[in-house]
Amino acid sequence: MTTKGHTPTRLALVATVREPAQKLVQFVNYHLNVGFDHLYLFLDDPLDQAGECVPDSRVTIVRCTNRYWQDQLERLNSGDLRSMNNRNPAFYRALTADLAQSPVPIEARQTMNAAVALREARRLGVDWILHIDGDELVHAPAMSLKRELEAVHSSISALLLGTMEAVPDGNCCENPFLETALFRDVARPRMSLPVRVYVQCARAVARAHALLGRLAGCGGAFFDGEYFRGHIFGKSLVRTSLEALELGLHLPVAREHLMMRVSRAGCLLHYDCMTFESWLEKWRRRFDGSGRATKMRKSRSRQGDLFWDLYRAGSIPALESLYQRLYFLPAHEQERLLSLGLLRRIQLPESLFSGALRPSPEG
């Protein structure tokens, strides 16, 4: 309930997506239900019809057609997006160089779309915006994230949602959001820190915490010494009022020093490659160019190298074995990891995935 004279905090998220229609509807319903006021969804496949399943005034759907990219490049070269060069020349140069590649790396497409959404969010009076992927969900008790943001000190520019990485169990997973209940987790520094200092501290704390798992005999949970398969830092909610920053893939980007801290109310659930088929598709796209990535961390690149060697050899059984090695957790290790806080049980209620969509005014 809003007190008289108080303007409620408005939240938005932006995502570049390439998901089946059912999953996209679930993604949209879920985030509207947990308190996001507006969603900016950029369809990475311009022929994707999934956006037609979410006619809602709170959801902006953008098809990333050739015309769309031409328009954004014009904005970047001589329009309003050129202001990035004045505020953050290094960021601007890196983005324009990436967009000139063929095929354009997925990270550059995501970053460009986030820049477009950030400006629209400011125009609509949104207070905080989050940049995530279509296989990620924000987990927080109802409205608790908004209450936390309303209490965040003005010196804090970003609130980080730490990653919890979903663990497949080997069964056919038709609906990962509802069928998955185990998530990898690590400890993170909780104090307010400059972004660069936080990154260094988070790496050290996460490695020290994960080391407990290895010492406890949970070697099957690690690959190349890494506990997480995807990203470990999480994603950050960023104040839109800060004109000098841009949205990065995980953290805000700015020339000045920004302060951030980890959210106490929420986290980010990452459903990375929950089936063998989705894993195959992800890495195929990495190598055929449609999902080319250039900013993967060393462990992720190593996963790709192993995949490509087996894929070129046409060895499906070996690929299945590699997938299981990467993503499954041996049953005898799970209880140890749970006791160490390196594994969490989270079961999302089905009600959060339905009932939120409403027709757009023109519908």
Protein backbone atom coordinates (compact mmCIF):
# COMPACT_ATOMS: atom_id res chain seq x y z
CA MET A 1 0.00 0.00 0.00
CA THR A 2 1.43 3.35 -1.02
CA THR A 3 1.44 6.16 1.55
CA LYS A 4 0.09 9.54 0.56
CA GLY A 5 2.66 11.61 -1.33
CA HIS A 6 4.96 8.63 -1.89
CA THR A 7 5.80 7.65 -5.45
CA PRO A 8 6.39 3.89 -5.68
CA THR A 9 9.68 2.65 -7.13
CA ARG A 10 9.34 1.55 -10.75
CA LEU A 11 11.38 -1.41 -12.02
CA ALA A 12 12.12 -2.53 -15.56
CA LEU A 13 14.16 -5.26 -17.15
CA VAL A 14 15.66 -5.71 -20.58
CA ALA A 15 16.48 -9.01 -22.27
CA THR A 16 17.58 -10.10 -25.73
CA VAL A 17 15.70 -13.36 -26.20
CA ARG A 18 15.44 -16.32 -28.51
CA GLU A 19 13.06 -18.60 -26.65
CA PRO A 20 10.05 -20.84 -27.46
CA ALA A 21 6.70 -19.09 -27.07
CA GLN A 22 5.68 -21.04 -23.96
CA LYS A 23 8.92 -20.22 -22.17
CA LEU A 24 8.70 -16.56 -23.17
CA VAL A 25 5.15 -16.29 -21.79
CA GLN A 26 6.33 -17.86 -18.53
CA PHE A 27 9.27 -15.45 -18.38
CA VAL A 28 7.00 -12.45 -18.89
CA ASN A 29 4.27 -13.58 -16.49
CA TYR A 30 6.79 -14.39 -13.81
CA HIS A 31 8.53 -11.02 -13.82
CA LEU A 32 5.29 -9.06 -13.97
CA ASN A 33 4.03 -11.11 -11.02
CA VAL A 34 7.13 -10.50 -8.88
CA GLY A 35 6.88 -6.73 -9.27
CA PHE A 36 8.52 -5.51 -12.47
CA ASP A 37 6.60 -2.65 -14.04
CA HIS A 38 7.92 -2.86 -17.58
CA LEU A 39 9.77 -5.42 -19.72
CA TYR A 40 11.81 -4.60 -22.83
CA LEU A 41 12.18 -7.75 -24.91
CA PHE A 42 14.36 -7.76 -28.03
CA LEU A 43 13.70 -10.74 -30.32
CA ASP A 44 17.14 -11.79 -31.55
CA ASP A 45 15.56 -13.77 -34.40
CA PRO A 46 13.65 -11.21 -36.53
CA LEU A 47 11.31 -13.97 -37.79
CA ASP A 48 10.43 -15.03 -34.25
CA GLN A 49 6.65 -15.07 -33.71
CA ALA A 50 6.87 -15.66 -29.95
CA GLY A 51 6.35 -11.96 -29.21
CA GLU A 52 2.77 -12.20 -30.46
CA CYS A 53 1.99 -14.37 -27.42
CA VAL A 54 2.58 -11.49 -24.99
CA PRO A 55 0.25 -8.61 -25.95
CA ASP A 56 0.59 -6.46 -22.84
CA SER A 57 0.92 -2.73 -22.27
CA ARG A 58 3.74 -3.40 -19.81
CA VAL A 59 5.85 -5.30 -22.37
CA THR A 60 7.71 -3.64 -25.24
CA ILE A 61 8.57 -6.13 -28.01
CA VAL A 62 11.26 -5.19 -30.53
CA ARG A 63 12.17 -7.36 -33.52
CA CYS A 64 15.88 -7.12 -34.27
CA THR A 65 15.52 -6.85 -38.06
CA ASN A 66 18.16 -5.50 -40.43
CA ARG A 67 16.26 -2.20 -40.45
CA TYR A 68 16.36 -2.07 -36.66
CA TRP A 69 20.14 -2.52 -36.61
CA GLN A 70 20.60 0.11 -39.31
CA ASP A 71 18.56 2.57 -37.24
CA GLN A 72 20.56 1.89 -34.09
CA LEU A 73 23.87 2.22 -35.90
CA GLU A 74 22.73 5.60 -37.20
CA ARG A 75 21.85 6.62 -33.65
CA LEU A 76 25.25 5.39 -32.51
CA ASN A 77 27.19 7.17 -35.26
CA SER A 78 25.33 10.47 -35.50
CA GLY A 79 22.23 10.35 -33.27
CA ASP A 80 21.44 10.38 -29.58
CA LEU A 81 23.45 7.22 -28.82
CA ARG A 82 26.65 8.99 -29.89
CA SER A 83 26.59 10.68 -26.47
CA MET A 84 28.18 7.43 -25.19
CA ASN A 85 31.42 8.63 -26.77
CA ASN A 86 31.44 11.76 -24.62
CA ARG A 87 30.64 9.92 -21.39
CA ASN A 88 32.64 6.74 -21.90
CA PRO A 89 34.90 6.72 -24.99
CA ALA A 90 36.38 3.26 -24.31
CA PHE A 91 32.94 1.69 -24.01
CA TYR A 92 31.77 3.46 -27.18
CA ARG A 93 34.83 2.38 -29.20
CA ALA A 94 34.51 -1.26 -28.06
CA LEU A 95 30.81 -1.38 -28.91
CA THR A 96 31.19 0.17 -32.37
CA ALA A 97 34.10 -2.18 -33.15
CA ASP A 98 32.07 -5.23 -32.10
CA LEU A 99 29.05 -4.12 -34.14
CA ALA A 100 31.28 -3.86 -37.22
CA GLN A 101 32.16 -7.57 -37.03
CA SER A 102 30.39 -10.19 -39.09
CA PRO A 103 28.65 -11.97 -37.56
CA VAL A 104 28.07 -9.51 -34.72
CA PRO A 105 28.87 -11.13 -31.35
CA ILE A 106 25.84 -11.80 -29.17
CA GLU A 107 27.32 -9.66 -26.38
CA ALA A 108 27.40 -6.59 -28.66
CA ARG A 109 23.77 -7.15 -29.70
CA GLN A 110 22.76 -7.45 -26.05
CA THR A 111 24.69 -4.34 -25.05
CA MET A 112 23.18 -2.28 -27.87
CA ASN A 113 19.66 -3.41 -26.98
CA ALA A 114 20.30 -2.56 -23.33
CA ALA A 115 21.37 0.95 -24.32
CA VAL A 116 18.14 1.41 -26.29
CA ALA A 117 16.02 0.13 -23.39
CA LEU A 118 17.84 2.28 -20.82
CA ARG A 119 16.91 5.44 -22.69
CA GLU A 120 13.29 4.35 -23.06
CA ALA A 121 13.14 3.50 -19.36
CA ARG A 122 14.39 6.97 -18.47
CA ARG A 123 11.75 8.50 -20.74
CA LEU A 124 9.01 6.48 -19.00
CA GLY A 125 10.19 7.45 -15.51
CA VAL A 126 11.51 4.03 -14.51
CA ASP A 127 13.78 4.20 -11.45
CA TRP A 128 15.84 0.99 -11.75
CA ILE A 129 16.56 -1.31 -14.69
CA LEU A 130 18.01 -4.82 -14.88
CA HIS A 131 19.70 -6.49 -17.87
CA ILE A 132 19.23 -10.29 -17.91
CA ASP A 133 18.84 -13.22 -20.32
CA GLY A 134 15.79 -15.29 -21.27
CA ASP A 135 17.03 -18.26 -19.23
CA GLU A 136 17.19 -16.25 -16.01
CA LEU A 137 14.59 -15.39 -13.37
CA VAL A 138 14.72 -12.87 -10.55
CA HIS A 139 13.94 -14.68 -7.30
CA ALA A 140 12.63 -12.55 -4.44
CA PRO A 141 9.61 -12.63 -2.13
CA ALA A 142 6.74 -10.53 -3.46
CA MET A 143 7.54 -6.79 -3.49
CA SER A 144 10.58 -7.26 -1.20
CA LEU A 145 12.94 -6.11 -3.96
CA LYS A 146 11.08 -2.84 -4.36
CA ARG A 147 11.14 -2.25 -0.61
CA GLU A 148 14.86 -2.90 -0.55
CA LEU A 149 15.50 -0.53 -3.45
CA GLU A 150 13.48 2.22 -1.78
CA ALA A 151 15.81 1.93 1.22
CA VAL A 152 19.08 1.83 -0.75
CA HIS A 153 21.32 4.77 0.11
CA SER A 154 21.71 7.36 -2.64
CA SER A 155 25.45 6.63 -2.82
CA ILE A 156 24.73 3.13 -4.16
CA SER A 157 24.47 3.03 -7.97
CA ALA A 158 23.76 -0.68 -8.42
CA LEU A 159 22.25 -3.55 -6.47
CA LEU A 160 23.64 -6.93 -7.51
CA LEU A 161 21.50 -10.06 -7.74
CA GLY A 162 23.92 -12.91 -7.11
CA THR A 163 23.68 -15.94 -9.40
CA MET A 164 22.29 -19.29 -8.35
CA GLU A 165 22.84 -21.85 -11.12
CA ALA A 166 20.17 -24.49 -11.73
CA VAL A 167 21.20 -28.15 -11.60
CA PRO A 168 19.49 -30.61 -14.01
CA ASP A 169 18.80 -34.09 -12.65
CA GLY A 170 18.88 -36.11 -15.86
CA ASN A 171 15.13 -36.55 -16.25
CA CYS A 172 13.31 -35.12 -19.25
CA CYS A 173 12.85 -31.47 -18.34
CA GLU A 174 9.89 -30.05 -20.26
CA ASN A 175 9.52 -27.05 -17.97
CA PRO A 176 12.83 -26.15 -16.27
CA PHE A 177 11.39 -23.18 -14.39
CA LEU A 178 8.99 -25.46 -12.52
CA GLU A 179 10.79 -28.80 -12.53
CA THR A 180 14.15 -27.64 -11.17
CA ALA A 181 14.70 -27.25 -7.43
CA LEU A 182 18.49 -27.47 -6.88
CA PHE A 183 20.79 -24.48 -7.42
CA ARG A 184 24.53 -23.96 -7.03
CA ASP A 185 25.42 -21.00 -4.83
CA VAL A 186 28.53 -19.35 -3.38
CA ALA A 187 29.21 -16.78 -0.68
CA ARG A 188 29.55 -13.14 -1.75
CA PRO A 189 30.79 -9.98 0.02
CA ARG A 190 27.81 -8.12 1.46
CA MET A 191 29.28 -4.68 2.16
CA SER A 192 29.02 -1.66 -0.13
CA LEU A 193 32.07 -1.48 -2.39
CA PRO A 194 33.26 0.24 -5.55
CA VAL A 195 32.37 -1.95 -8.56
CA ARG A 196 35.97 -2.84 -9.41
CA VAL A 197 36.81 -3.71 -5.81
CA TYR A 198 33.64 -5.78 -5.53
CA VAL A 199 34.64 -7.88 -8.56
CA GLN A 200 38.02 -8.69 -7.01
CA CYS A 201 36.54 -9.48 -3.59
CA ALA A 202 33.69 -11.56 -5.06
CA ARG A 203 36.12 -13.74 -6.99
CA ALA A 204 38.23 -14.36 -3.89
CA VAL A 205 35.27 -15.07 -1.58
CA ALA A 206 33.56 -17.36 -4.11
CA ARG A 207 36.74 -19.35 -4.73
CA ALA A 208 37.39 -19.73 -1.00
CA HIS A 209 33.81 -20.90 -0.39
CA ALA A 210 33.89 -23.33 -3.31
CA LEU A 211 37.19 -24.71 -2.05
CA LEU A 212 35.25 -26.07 0.93
CA GLY A 213 33.32 -28.26 -1.49
CA ARG A 214 36.49 -29.71 -2.97
CA LEU A 215 37.98 -30.32 0.48
CA ALA A 216 34.73 -32.07 1.44
CA GLY A 217 35.23 -34.58 -1.36
CA CYS A 218 32.86 -33.06 -3.90
CA GLY A 219 35.25 -33.11 -6.85
CA GLY A 220 32.47 -34.18 -9.21
CA ALA A 221 30.91 -30.72 -8.84
CA PHE A 222 33.91 -28.99 -10.40
CA PHE A 223 35.16 -28.57 -13.96
CA ASP A 224 38.59 -27.07 -14.65
CA GLY A 225 38.57 -26.04 -10.99
CA GLU A 226 35.35 -24.02 -11.47
CA TYR A 227 32.14 -24.65 -9.55
CA PHE A 228 29.80 -22.65 -11.83
CA ARG A 229 29.40 -23.50 -15.51
CA GLY A 230 28.13 -20.08 -16.62
CA HIS A 231 28.62 -16.69 -14.99
CA ILE A 232 29.18 -16.33 -11.26
CA PHE A 233 28.84 -12.57 -10.56
CA GLY A 234 25.13 -12.18 -11.24
CA LYS A 235 23.35 -9.20 -12.79
CA SER A 236 22.81 -5.71 -11.42
CA LEU A 237 19.83 -3.44 -10.95
CA VAL A 238 21.03 0.04 -11.96
CA ARG A 239 19.67 3.52 -11.23
CA THR A 240 18.38 5.07 -14.45
CA SER A 241 18.92 8.57 -13.04
CA LEU A 242 22.69 8.23 -13.46
CA GLU A 243 23.24 9.69 -16.92
CA ALA A 244 26.94 8.85 -16.96
CA LEU A 245 26.55 5.07 -16.98
CA GLU A 246 25.56 2.36 -19.43
CA LEU A 247 24.30 -1.17 -18.89
CA GLY A 248 26.95 -3.83 -19.20
CA LEU A 249 26.26 -7.54 -19.46
CA HIS A 250 26.53 -7.97 -15.70
CA LEU A 251 27.62 -4.70 -14.09
CA PRO A 252 27.12 -1.01 -14.88
CA VAL A 253 29.79 0.68 -17.00
CA ALA A 254 30.96 4.22 -16.25
CA ARG A 255 34.10 6.34 -16.25
CA GLU A 256 33.59 7.33 -12.63
CA HIS A 257 33.79 5.02 -9.63
CA LEU A 258 30.41 3.50 -8.82
CA MET A 259 29.38 1.96 -5.51
CA MET A 260 27.37 -1.26 -5.38
CA ARG A 261 26.29 -3.96 -2.98
CA VAL A 262 24.65 -7.37 -3.09
CA SER A 263 20.88 -7.57 -2.68
CA ARG A 264 19.65 -9.10 0.56
CA ALA A 265 16.15 -9.62 -0.81
CA GLY A 266 16.75 -11.27 -4.16
CA CYS A 267 19.00 -13.35 -6.35
CA LEU A 268 19.16 -14.46 -9.99
CA LEU A 269 18.25 -18.02 -10.95
CA HIS A 270 20.18 -19.10 -14.06
CA TYR A 271 18.69 -22.07 -15.95
CA ASP A 272 21.69 -22.74 -18.17
CA CYS A 273 21.35 -25.71 -20.58
CA MET A 274 18.82 -27.71 -18.59
CA THR A 275 18.62 -30.48 -21.22
CA PHE A 276 21.15 -32.14 -23.49
CA GLU A 277 19.23 -30.80 -26.51
CA SER A 278 19.33 -27.19 -25.29
CA TRP A 279 23.07 -27.57 -24.59
CA LEU A 280 23.66 -28.85 -28.14
CA GLU A 281 21.67 -25.97 -29.60
CA LYS A 282 23.51 -23.36 -27.54
CA TRP A 283 26.96 -24.50 -28.61
CA ARG A 284 25.93 -25.08 -32.23
CA ARG A 285 24.87 -21.43 -32.36
CA ARG A 286 28.13 -20.37 -30.77
CA PHE A 287 30.00 -21.95 -33.66
CA ASP A 288 27.66 -21.32 -36.62
CA GLY A 289 27.78 -17.58 -35.93
CA SER A 290 24.16 -16.93 -34.96
CA GLY A 291 25.11 -16.97 -31.30
CA ARG A 292 28.80 -16.13 -31.56
CA ALA A 293 30.27 -15.04 -28.23
CA THR A 294 33.61 -13.33 -27.71
CA LYS A 295 33.59 -12.48 -23.99
CA MET A 296 33.35 -15.90 -22.38
CA ARG A 297 35.46 -16.60 -19.33
CA LYS A 298 38.24 -19.19 -19.60
CA SER A 299 36.25 -22.10 -18.17
CA ARG A 300 33.33 -21.41 -20.53
CA SER A 301 35.68 -21.28 -23.55
CA ARG A 302 37.18 -24.57 -22.46
CA GLN A 303 33.70 -26.12 -22.40
CA GLY A 304 33.19 -24.88 -25.97
CA ASP A 305 36.50 -26.33 -27.16
CA LEU A 306 35.62 -29.76 -25.78
CA PHE A 307 32.15 -29.57 -27.32
CA TRP A 308 33.49 -28.60 -30.75
CA ASP A 309 36.06 -31.40 -30.84
CA LEU A 310 33.39 -34.02 -30.11
CA TYR A 311 30.77 -32.40 -32.32
CA ARG A 312 33.06 -32.35 -35.34
CA ALA A 313 33.83 -36.01 -34.70
CA GLY A 314 30.09 -36.77 -34.70
CA SER A 315 30.31 -38.55 -31.36
CA ILE A 316 26.86 -38.17 -29.76
CA PRO A 317 27.56 -40.64 -26.88
CA ALA A 318 30.73 -38.72 -26.02
CA LEU A 319 28.81 -35.43 -26.15
CA GLU A 320 26.16 -36.85 -23.81
CA SER A 321 28.89 -37.96 -21.44
CA LEU A 322 30.49 -34.49 -21.50
CA TYR A 323 27.13 -32.82 -20.83
CA GLN A 324 26.51 -35.08 -17.83
CA ARG A 325 30.02 -34.42 -16.54
CA LEU A 326 29.46 -30.69 -16.80
CA TYR A 327 25.95 -30.33 -15.41
CA PHE A 328 24.95 -33.29 -13.26
CA LEU A 329 25.87 -33.44 -9.58
CA PRO A 330 26.62 -36.89 -8.15
CA ALA A 331 23.87 -37.82 -5.68
CA HIS A 332 26.35 -38.62 -2.90
CA GLU A 333 27.81 -35.10 -3.15
CA GLN A 334 24.53 -33.19 -3.04
CA GLU A 335 23.94 -33.48 0.73
CA ARG A 336 27.49 -32.32 1.47
CA LEU A 337 27.09 -29.35 -0.82
CA LEU A 338 23.73 -28.50 0.78
CA SER A 339 25.29 -28.56 4.25
CA LEU A 340 28.08 -26.22 3.10
CA GLY A 341 25.62 -23.72 1.58
CA LEU A 342 27.01 -24.44 -1.89
CA LEU A 343 23.69 -25.91 -2.96
CA ARG A 344 20.18 -24.54 -2.28
CA ARG A 345 16.69 -25.92 -2.68
CA ILE A 346 14.23 -23.49 -4.29
CA GLN A 347 10.84 -24.51 -5.62
CA LEU A 348 9.03 -21.73 -7.46
CA PRO A 349 5.23 -21.74 -7.18
CA GLU A 350 3.35 -22.42 -10.41
CA SER A 351 1.08 -19.42 -9.78
CA LEU A 352 3.94 -17.01 -10.58
CA PHE A 353 4.03 -18.18 -14.19
CA SER A 354 0.44 -17.42 -15.14
CA GLY A 355 -2.25 -14.80 -14.98
CA ALA A 356 -0.18 -11.61 -15.31
CA LEU A 357 -0.60 -10.78 -18.99
CA ARG A 358 -3.22 -8.26 -19.98
CA PRO A 359 -4.21 -7.00 -23.45
CA SER A 360 -2.44 -3.95 -24.85
CA PRO A 361 -4.62 -0.87 -25.47
CA GLU A 362 -4.60 -1.49 -29.23
CA GLY A 363 -5.59 -5.12 -28.67
